[in-house]
Protein backbone atom coordinates (compact mmCIF):
# COMPACT_ATOMS: atom_id res chain seq x y z
CA MET A 1 105.49 89.11 90.67
CA GLU A 2 104.62 87.00 93.71
CA GLY A 3 106.53 83.74 93.95
CA MET A 4 108.82 84.47 91.00
CA PRO A 5 112.58 84.13 91.50
CA PHE A 6 114.44 87.30 90.55
CA GLU A 7 116.76 85.73 87.98
CA PRO A 8 116.98 85.53 84.17
CA LEU A 9 113.68 84.26 82.73
CA LEU A 10 112.52 82.92 79.38
CA VAL A 11 108.90 83.93 78.70
CA GLY A 12 106.75 82.07 76.21
CA VAL A 13 104.71 84.70 74.34
CA SER A 14 101.98 83.87 71.83
CA GLY A 15 100.82 87.46 71.33
CA GLY A 16 97.46 86.87 72.99
CA CYS A 17 96.12 88.93 75.89
CA ASP A 18 97.33 86.52 78.59
CA SER A 19 100.96 86.25 77.49
CA MET A 20 101.22 89.96 76.68
CA VAL A 21 99.96 90.86 80.16
CA LEU A 22 102.46 88.42 81.66
CA VAL A 23 105.47 89.79 79.75
CA ASP A 24 104.36 93.40 80.33
CA ARG A 25 104.19 92.88 84.09
CA LEU A 26 107.54 91.09 84.23
CA TYR A 27 109.16 93.84 82.18
CA LYS A 28 107.73 96.65 84.32
CA GLU A 29 108.79 94.86 87.52
CA GLY A 30 112.40 94.83 86.33
CA TYR A 31 112.95 91.15 85.59
CA ASP A 32 115.69 90.06 83.18
CA ILE A 33 113.52 88.48 80.47
CA ALA A 34 113.90 87.02 77.01
CA ILE A 35 110.94 86.19 74.77
CA ALA A 36 110.38 82.89 72.96
CA HIS A 37 107.68 82.75 70.28
CA VAL A 38 106.50 79.79 68.19
CA HIS A 39 105.00 80.48 64.75
CA HIS A 40 102.89 77.36 64.21
CA GLY A 41 102.66 77.91 60.46
CA LEU A 42 98.92 77.19 60.42
CA ARG A 43 97.24 80.61 60.13
CA GLU A 44 97.84 83.58 57.83
CA ALA A 45 97.58 85.93 60.82
CA SER A 46 100.58 84.24 62.46
CA ASP A 47 103.02 86.25 60.30
CA GLU A 48 101.68 89.56 61.59
CA GLU A 49 101.54 88.25 65.17
CA ALA A 50 105.21 87.24 65.05
CA CYS A 51 106.19 90.69 63.70
CA PHE A 52 104.09 92.38 66.39
CA ILE A 53 105.82 90.51 69.23
CA LYS A 54 109.28 91.06 67.75
CA GLU A 55 108.65 94.81 67.41
CA TRP A 56 107.33 94.97 70.99
CA ALA A 57 110.46 93.20 72.26
CA THR A 58 112.85 95.27 70.12
CA ALA A 59 111.37 98.54 71.35
CA ARG A 60 112.22 97.46 74.92
CA LYS A 61 115.62 95.92 74.06
CA ILE A 62 114.37 92.45 75.02
CA SER A 63 115.98 89.41 73.38
CA PHE A 64 113.58 87.68 70.99
CA PHE A 65 113.75 84.06 69.81
CA MET A 66 111.37 82.54 67.28
CA THR A 67 110.87 79.32 65.36
CA ARG A 68 108.44 78.51 62.57
CA LEU A 69 107.08 74.96 62.51
CA GLU A 70 107.03 73.01 59.26
CA TRP A 71 104.33 70.40 58.65
CA THR A 72 105.23 69.01 55.24
CA GLY A 73 104.37 65.32 55.36
CA ARG A 74 103.22 65.50 58.98
CA THR A 75 99.94 66.06 60.80
CA SER A 76 99.63 69.33 62.72
CA SER A 77 97.69 68.02 65.73
CA GLN A 78 97.40 69.97 68.98
CA ALA A 79 99.65 67.37 70.65
CA ALA A 80 102.29 67.72 67.93
CA CYS A 81 102.20 71.52 68.21
CA ARG A 82 102.58 71.36 71.97
CA GLU A 83 105.47 68.89 71.73
CA GLU A 84 107.40 71.04 69.27
CA ARG A 85 106.62 74.21 71.21
CA TYR A 86 108.02 72.83 74.43
CA ALA A 87 111.02 71.32 72.63
CA PHE A 88 111.81 74.81 71.28
CA PHE A 89 111.48 76.37 74.73
CA GLU A 90 113.82 73.76 76.18
CA ARG A 91 116.40 74.35 73.45
CA ILE A 92 116.40 78.12 73.97
CA MET A 93 116.78 77.63 77.72
CA GLU A 94 119.87 75.52 77.09
CA GLU A 95 121.31 77.96 74.54
CA THR A 96 120.77 81.05 76.71
CA GLY A 97 121.54 79.49 80.09
CA ARG A 98 118.14 80.51 81.47
CA SER A 99 116.73 77.93 83.86
CA ARG A 100 113.22 79.39 84.30
CA LEU A 101 110.49 79.15 81.66
CA ILE A 102 107.44 81.35 82.37
CA LEU A 103 104.06 80.67 80.74
CA ALA A 104 100.77 82.57 80.95
CA HIS A 105 98.26 79.85 81.89
CA HIS A 106 95.60 81.36 84.14
CA GLN A 107 92.69 80.27 86.35
CA ASP A 108 90.33 79.68 83.43
CA ASP A 109 92.93 77.36 81.86
CA GLN A 110 93.13 75.54 85.19
CA ILE A 111 89.36 74.95 85.30
CA GLU A 112 89.32 73.72 81.71
CA THR A 113 92.19 71.33 82.39
CA LEU A 114 90.44 69.88 85.46
CA LEU A 115 87.27 69.29 83.44
CA ILE A 116 89.28 67.69 80.61
CA GLN A 117 90.93 65.33 83.11
CA LEU A 118 87.49 64.36 84.46
CA ILE A 119 86.02 63.82 80.99
CA ARG A 120 88.97 61.70 79.90
CA GLY A 121 88.83 59.60 83.05
CA GLU A 122 92.27 60.57 84.30
CA ALA A 123 93.16 58.94 87.61
CA GLN A 124 94.81 62.17 88.77
CA VAL A 125 92.48 65.14 88.57
CA ASP A 126 94.79 67.85 89.87
CA GLY A 127 95.01 70.37 87.04
CA ILE A 128 98.07 72.39 86.07
CA PRO A 129 100.93 72.77 88.58
CA VAL A 130 102.17 76.26 89.37
CA VAL A 131 105.77 75.06 89.24
CA ARG A 132 107.27 71.86 87.85
CA PRO A 133 110.68 70.65 86.66
CA PHE A 134 111.33 71.36 82.99
CA GLY A 135 114.39 70.92 80.81
CA ASN A 136 117.46 72.16 82.63
CA GLY A 137 115.39 74.03 85.19
CA TRP A 138 111.80 74.89 86.05
CA LEU A 139 108.52 75.88 84.43
CA HIS A 140 106.49 78.56 86.25
CA ARG A 141 102.87 79.61 85.73
CA PRO A 142 102.49 82.67 88.00
CA LEU A 143 99.03 83.64 86.65
CA LEU A 144 97.23 80.43 87.62
CA HIS A 145 95.39 82.17 90.46
CA GLU A 146 94.16 85.02 88.24
CA SER A 147 91.06 84.89 86.04
CA LYS A 148 90.95 85.66 82.33
CA GLN A 149 88.69 88.62 83.12
CA ALA A 150 91.25 90.06 85.55
CA LEU A 151 93.97 89.82 82.91
CA LEU A 152 91.73 91.47 80.33
CA GLU A 153 90.99 94.33 82.74
CA TYR A 154 94.73 94.79 83.38
CA ALA A 155 95.41 94.91 79.63
CA LEU A 156 92.76 97.56 79.07
CA GLN A 157 93.78 99.65 82.08
CA HIS A 158 97.49 99.63 81.21
CA GLU A 159 97.01 99.79 77.43
CA VAL A 160 98.76 96.50 76.80
CA PRO A 161 98.43 95.57 73.09
CA TRP A 162 97.64 92.01 72.04
CA ARG A 163 96.46 89.94 69.10
CA GLU A 164 93.33 87.79 69.24
CA ASP A 165 93.59 84.25 67.84
CA ALA A 166 90.33 83.71 65.90
CA SER A 167 90.60 79.93 66.43
CA ASN A 168 89.91 80.44 70.15
CA ALA A 169 86.25 81.04 69.26
CA GLU A 170 85.92 77.73 67.42
CA THR A 171 84.49 74.61 69.08
CA THR A 172 86.46 72.01 67.13
CA TYR A 173 88.72 71.07 70.02
CA LEU A 174 87.68 69.71 73.41
CA ARG A 175 89.19 72.61 75.35
CA ASN A 176 87.26 75.16 73.31
CA GLN A 177 84.06 73.14 73.68
CA ILE A 178 84.49 73.20 77.45
CA ARG A 179 85.32 76.92 77.41
CA HIS A 180 82.26 77.95 75.38
CA MET A 181 79.68 75.25 76.08
CA ILE A 182 80.28 73.83 79.57
CA VAL A 183 81.85 76.52 81.76
CA PRO A 184 79.19 79.22 81.18
CA PRO A 185 76.28 77.04 82.46
CA LEU A 186 78.38 75.98 85.46
CA ARG A 187 79.08 79.64 86.20
CA GLU A 188 75.33 80.33 86.15
CA ILE A 189 74.58 77.43 88.50
CA ARG A 190 77.34 78.34 90.95
CA PRO A 191 78.95 81.76 90.29
CA GLU A 192 81.94 81.13 92.56
CA PHE A 193 82.68 77.60 91.35
CA GLU A 194 85.88 78.59 89.53
CA GLN A 195 87.61 79.98 92.63
CA ALA A 196 86.53 76.99 94.74
CA THR A 197 87.62 74.48 92.09
CA ALA A 198 90.97 76.20 91.58
CA ALA A 199 91.53 76.22 95.36
CA ALA A 200 90.77 72.48 95.51
CA ALA A 201 93.29 71.86 92.71
CA HIS A 202 95.89 73.89 94.60
CA ALA A 203 95.30 71.81 97.75
CA ARG A 204 95.54 68.59 95.75
CA GLN A 205 98.84 69.70 94.25
CA GLN A 206 100.21 70.42 97.73
CA ILE A 207 99.34 66.85 98.73
CA MET A 208 100.98 65.60 95.53
CA ARG A 209 104.18 67.52 96.30
CA GLU A 210 104.33 65.91 99.73
CA GLN A 211 103.76 62.47 98.20
CA VAL A 212 106.43 63.05 95.56
CA THR A 213 108.90 64.04 98.28
CA PHE A 214 108.10 60.84 100.17
CA VAL A 215 108.44 58.67 97.04
CA ALA A 216 111.75 60.32 96.09
CA THR A 217 113.16 59.65 99.57
CA TYR A 218 111.82 56.09 99.53
CA LEU A 219 113.36 55.28 96.13
CA ASP A 220 116.68 56.79 97.16
CA ARG A 221 116.77 54.58 100.26
CA CYS A 222 115.88 51.49 98.21
CA LYS A 223 118.54 52.08 95.56
CA GLU A 224 121.30 49.49 95.33
CA ALA A 225 124.32 49.10 93.07
CA ASN A 226 122.22 47.33 90.39
CA GLY A 227 119.34 49.81 90.56
CA ILE A 228 116.07 49.94 92.48
CA PRO A 229 114.52 46.57 93.42
CA VAL A 230 111.23 46.29 91.52
CA ALA A 231 109.73 44.39 94.45
CA ARG A 232 110.27 47.40 96.72
CA ILE A 233 108.45 49.67 94.26
CA LEU A 234 105.50 47.28 94.14
CA GLU A 235 105.26 47.39 97.95
CA LEU A 236 104.07 51.00 97.67
CA PRO A 237 100.32 51.76 97.63
CA THR A 238 98.96 52.14 94.09
CA ASP A 239 98.63 55.94 94.39
CA LEU A 240 102.33 56.17 95.25
CA GLN A 241 103.33 53.68 92.54
CA ARG A 242 101.81 56.15 90.07
CA LEU A 243 104.35 58.74 91.20
CA VAL A 244 107.42 56.58 90.61
CA LEU A 245 107.86 57.35 86.90
CA PRO A 246 107.36 61.14 87.28
CA THR A 247 109.65 61.15 90.33
CA LEU A 248 112.46 59.25 88.61
CA THR A 249 112.31 61.36 85.45
CA GLY A 250 111.10 64.77 86.65
CA GLU A 251 108.61 64.80 83.76
CA THR A 252 104.82 64.62 83.49
CA PHE A 253 102.98 61.76 81.78
CA SER A 254 99.40 60.87 80.90
CA SER A 255 97.45 58.43 83.05
CA GLU A 256 97.62 55.91 80.21
CA THR A 257 101.43 56.09 80.11
CA ILE A 258 101.67 55.69 83.87
CA ARG A 259 99.29 52.71 83.80
CA HIS A 260 101.49 51.15 81.11
CA PHE A 261 104.58 51.69 83.27
CA ILE A 262 103.01 50.11 86.36
CA THR A 263 101.77 47.12 84.32
CA TRP A 264 105.24 46.78 82.83
CA LEU A 265 106.70 46.66 86.35
CA ARG A 266 104.17 44.09 87.58
CA VAL A 267 104.65 41.66 84.69
CA ASP A 268 107.99 39.94 85.12
CA LYS A 269 109.59 39.72 81.65
CA GLY A 270 113.14 39.25 82.87
CA SER A 271 115.30 41.74 81.00
CA ASP A 272 113.39 44.45 79.14
CA GLU A 273 113.39 48.17 78.37
CA VAL A 274 110.81 50.78 77.40
CA TYR A 275 110.95 54.48 76.52
CA TYR A 276 108.93 57.23 78.20
CA GLY A 277 109.47 60.79 77.02
CA ASN A 278 113.19 61.48 77.19
CA TRP A 279 113.93 58.45 79.36
CA ARG A 280 114.76 54.80 78.90
CA MET A 281 113.59 52.51 81.71
CA ARG A 282 115.43 49.20 81.95
CA ARG A 283 114.83 46.19 84.18
CA ALA A 284 117.09 43.22 84.65
CA TYR A 285 117.25 40.55 87.35
CA GLY A 286 114.60 42.27 89.41
CA PHE A 287 116.17 45.76 89.36
CA LEU A 288 114.98 48.96 87.68
CA MET A 289 117.38 51.46 86.12
CA GLN A 290 116.78 54.60 84.07
CA ASP A 291 118.86 56.86 81.88
CA ARG A 292 118.15 59.95 79.80
CA VAL A 293 118.32 59.63 76.02
CA ILE A 294 118.55 62.22 73.28
CA ARG A 295 115.33 62.23 71.29
CA SER A 296 114.21 64.49 68.46
CA MET A 297 110.79 66.00 67.74
CA ASN A 298 110.13 63.10 65.35
CA ASP A 299 110.72 60.28 67.83
CA ASP A 300 107.11 59.15 68.22
CA LEU A 301 105.73 56.44 65.97
CA PRO A 302 104.05 56.73 63.61
CA PHE A 303 105.39 59.78 61.76
CA GLN A 304 105.20 60.77 58.12
CA VAL A 305 107.93 61.52 55.61
CA GLY A 306 107.14 63.86 52.72
CA GLU A 307 108.82 64.16 49.35
CA ASN A 308 111.42 66.50 50.83
CA LEU A 309 112.78 63.43 52.68
CA GLY A 310 115.48 64.07 55.32
CA THR A 311 116.84 62.45 58.48
CA TYR A 312 114.52 61.37 61.29
CA HIS A 313 115.30 60.24 64.82
CA TYR A 314 113.27 57.99 67.09
CA GLY A 315 114.64 57.00 70.48
CA GLU A 316 118.35 56.41 69.99
CA GLN A 317 117.87 55.32 66.38
CA MET A 318 118.12 57.24 63.11
CA VAL A 319 116.73 56.67 59.61
CA ARG A 320 117.79 58.76 56.61
CA PHE A 321 115.73 59.15 53.41
CA SER A 322 117.47 60.52 50.31
CA ILE A 323 117.59 60.32 46.50
CA GLY A 324 120.40 58.15 45.17
CA ASN A 325 121.50 55.83 42.41
CA GLN A 326 120.30 52.67 44.13
CA GLY A 327 117.51 51.57 46.42
CA ILE A 328 113.75 51.64 45.70
CA PRO A 329 112.55 53.10 42.36
CA LEU A 330 110.75 56.39 42.97
CA ASP A 331 108.20 55.48 40.28
CA ALA A 332 107.06 52.59 42.46
CA ILE A 333 106.39 54.79 45.52
CA ALA A 334 103.40 56.89 46.56
CA PHE A 335 104.10 59.71 49.04
CA PRO A 336 103.81 60.47 51.89
CA LEU A 337 105.64 57.63 53.55
CA THR A 338 104.79 56.50 57.07
CA VAL A 339 107.18 55.06 59.64
CA ARG A 340 105.17 52.95 62.07
CA PRO A 341 105.34 49.82 64.24
CA PRO A 342 104.77 46.54 62.40
CA CYS A 343 101.22 45.18 62.15
CA PRO A 344 100.05 41.55 61.96
CA GLY A 345 100.08 40.40 58.35
CA ASP A 346 102.67 42.92 57.13
CA ARG A 347 104.62 41.53 54.19
CA ILE A 348 107.61 42.93 52.30
CA GLN A 349 108.41 42.26 48.62
CA LEU A 350 111.71 40.47 48.05
CA ALA A 351 113.57 39.21 44.96
CA VAL A 352 111.38 36.09 44.89
CA GLY A 353 107.89 36.57 46.26
CA SER A 354 107.19 38.29 49.57
CA LYS A 355 107.87 37.51 53.21
CA LYS A 356 106.12 38.28 56.46
CA VAL A 357 107.79 41.03 58.47
CA SER A 358 107.33 38.91 61.60
CA ARG A 359 109.30 36.05 59.97
CA ILE A 360 112.12 38.44 59.01
CA LEU A 361 112.42 39.52 62.64
CA ILE A 362 112.28 35.93 63.87
CA ASP A 363 115.02 34.91 61.42
CA ALA A 364 117.07 37.87 62.63
CA LYS A 365 116.66 36.53 66.19
CA VAL A 366 114.99 39.72 67.42
CA PRO A 367 113.51 38.93 70.87
CA ARG A 368 109.70 38.83 70.90
CA TYR A 369 109.39 41.80 73.29
CA LEU A 370 111.49 43.98 70.95
CA ARG A 371 109.78 43.10 67.65
CA GLU A 372 107.00 45.65 68.07
CA GLN A 373 109.69 48.33 68.46
CA VAL A 374 111.19 47.64 65.00
CA PRO A 375 109.52 50.16 62.64
CA VAL A 376 108.54 49.55 59.05
CA VAL A 377 108.38 52.15 56.26
CA VAL A 378 105.08 52.13 54.36
CA ASP A 379 104.10 54.23 51.34
CA ALA A 380 100.70 55.92 50.84
CA ASN A 381 99.33 52.74 49.22
CA GLY A 382 100.29 50.60 52.20
CA VAL A 383 103.27 48.95 50.47
CA ILE A 384 106.04 47.97 52.88
CA LEU A 385 109.27 49.58 51.67
CA ALA A 386 111.63 48.59 54.48
CA VAL A 387 111.95 46.90 57.84
CA ILE A 388 114.29 49.37 59.47
CA GLY A 389 117.52 47.79 60.54
CA HIS A 390 116.89 44.56 58.61
CA ARG A 391 115.53 44.61 55.05
CA ILE A 392 114.66 46.88 52.10
CA ALA A 393 112.01 45.86 49.58
CA ILE A 394 112.96 44.69 46.07
CA PHE A 395 110.66 45.69 43.20
CA GLY A 396 112.09 43.62 40.35
CA SER A 397 111.16 45.00 36.90
CA PHE A 398 110.62 48.48 38.28
CA GLU A 399 114.31 48.67 39.10
CA LEU A 400 115.39 47.93 35.53
CA LEU A 401 113.60 51.05 34.23
CA ALA A 402 114.18 53.42 37.14
CA LYS A 403 116.11 56.68 36.72
CA SER A 404 116.07 57.71 40.37
CA TYR A 405 115.83 55.82 43.61
CA LEU A 406 114.83 56.28 47.20
CA MET A 407 117.65 55.38 49.56
CA ILE A 408 116.73 54.36 53.10
CA GLU A 409 119.69 54.20 55.47
CA TRP A 410 120.01 53.48 59.18
């Protein structure tokens, strides 16, 4: 396959036409491949799809890795699915020593992504990159220059089996709305618009690669023993400032995240730190430093905790929920629980009366800029159960009658 390195590959396979064509072509061209499949646990048909892919791989003596996502107490949004899917791919790459992840995004996906970026007002409308850093290696999308129709024709000609996801025909999500309601009229107005738009995206990405190379060289030259001088970063044109965070981390971020990062750089708060993806950015005495942190799939706030409880990680912190012989009476709690940042007016029940969460953090001498990063645990009725790291609620008479308790540990 053009542009693909001839080395061990991990191929993400959903079972749809696109990914089955991709893995079929790689297999027939003699690549050393392993298959990674994510069962999202949201459709009944997913069980059969997983078995289908496993049988296809087994018949060809191809290694097959699968995970099934669990959503108890959590919301199964598209973003959450994508995050867990990519986390699984990254883990399998590390476990198998494969440094190339191959996905089946094609030209139609590229057009839809460009339109989504326009609709959302993204500052960078450049679509999906063919190659980008990922995990311990690289993510490749070798089908980006091929249309969905071309892949379908290949599948029919070469008798490649696949499974159709019925949800692709729905118009609940923005991408599907664009696919079924916006692209067809555009195709009628200008039949060749997809090829021209994809070519423009490819040219834009080439420019971006050149800019990233420049920014990487610039930052390397600016680096001193204490880090990179923030003032030197702010000397860059705004377009190049937007590339600093992706260049330092090797990861992709939304326009909103990048705007937040640039604002954070421009506002001098003295010493401060923020987290972006798998990275902690720190500034002190006018210098910027970054380091990679270990983060779990549950690191974003807010997240929910169901009655099965368990241990959750966010950033470098951990909170454990379990049943014990002390803590908060279970009879006083309504599930699911939510772990979220504190809100103005939050109060927690104590032995005598209640107290504002903000006052607890002030009394604990938590710096103002860190207070919003101290999560609280709230039950389904909005009752504050704990200020993580500082205080657990006291329910008085409930505790005298309780037979089982919720323990919250950090």
